[in-house]
Amino acid sequence: MPQSSVTITVQKASGAEANNESKQEAKQAPVIADDEQLGVADAVIKPPASKAELLALYQVDALPINNAIQPKELEKVAQLRVELYQQQLKRTEFFYTVKPELRPTYMVQALKPQFIEYQQFQMARALDQRGLIDLDKTDVMWQQLHIVDDLIADIVYSMPAQNPVGWQLTSVNKNHLKLPTVGRLRDNDSVADQGSLNSYVLSHFGVMSYTYDRAYFIGHVLGYLFCCYYLAHLSIAYGVTPLPSDTVADYDYASLDTAKLVRLLHSIDVHCKRRIYQLAVLCARLSCYQLDKYIEKMLIAEVNEFDKKQQIDHLDLLLSRGIMPEMPDRVILQDFPGSFGKKD
């Protein structure tokens, strides 16, 4: 998949003065090694000039897994997380500030093929050769996925302005929300930024990542509601705690206790809460967690394909006679020459 381009913008002077200054800066500029990364303050995502460039910002590869726990490696992971947040924030800013003709009518439909949920749905449909699972309703939801953008537009239009708040969420040590992964992981299931429907939805309300055993989100309190509604609808046990102010350095957010979070929720109109709930339920119905349940039913059906009692009766008859008895769905072996001592 194409990666978003990162460029360095330089303020240029005019005339001969600009040429002289540029030559002096070129002589004094330090040589940067290939393996060194530019700082977040120096890296600026180039504003998209076309629909293709805007889509390219949403089509990025997954970050590498780094399970090292040395202080230097942990610092790299922390810096990588901040860079990810800055890119997510800048991309969302571009999405809402570019000219309307540069933005697809329904962005979610354009990104659907890269969502891990959609890829797993296609796999489940291919596996269901017996037609045991009713995937027609799920197929209709994927066809009508533009409703996600409609719900988001309604929510963004009416949600109140708030300073970003942060919290961390755990759900039985798994990335059930399929948020973009950074740094350490318990397994090799890395997820790219915008590689899931949930990360696309939550990016409209803030920034997010997942590391080792917990998810991190910084943004509008509506993102908190989405996560809670989503996991509760799937009956997944979860816990939410405020994100300490020193967890994500160099990124501005507030760490709120429960009482302050309640006051923030008081400011949310019930219309917004209802729309967030509908959005969470729709995403939960399309989730990998729900699809895994369908695939488990297929597995059980394959294991129980035949009549077990009939096979037990057949085994008992075999043991009692010492020969392979006749089966209703088998050819009678005695009819073949040479079988069971019968002569031609």
Foldseek 3Di string as FASTA:
>chain_A
DAAFDKDFDDDADDDPVRVVVVVVCVVVPDDDDPPDDDALVRIDGDQDPALVNLVNLLDHDADDAAADDPPVLVVVLLRVQVSQQVSLLVSLVSQVPPDPRRHDPQSCLVLVVLAPLNVLLVVLVVLVPVVPDPCVVVVVCNVVVSVLVVLLVVLVVPWDDDFKFKKKKFFPQDPQLLAAETYHAPDPPGHHQSSHPSSVSCSNFGHKYDHHTMIMTIGQCLNVLLVVLQCVVVVTDMDMAGDDPPPRPPDDHHTDHPVVSVVSVVRGDVVSSVSSNVSSVSRSCSTPSVSVVVVVVSVVCVVPVDDPVLVVVQVVVCVVVVHRDDDPPDDDQVVDAPPPNHHD
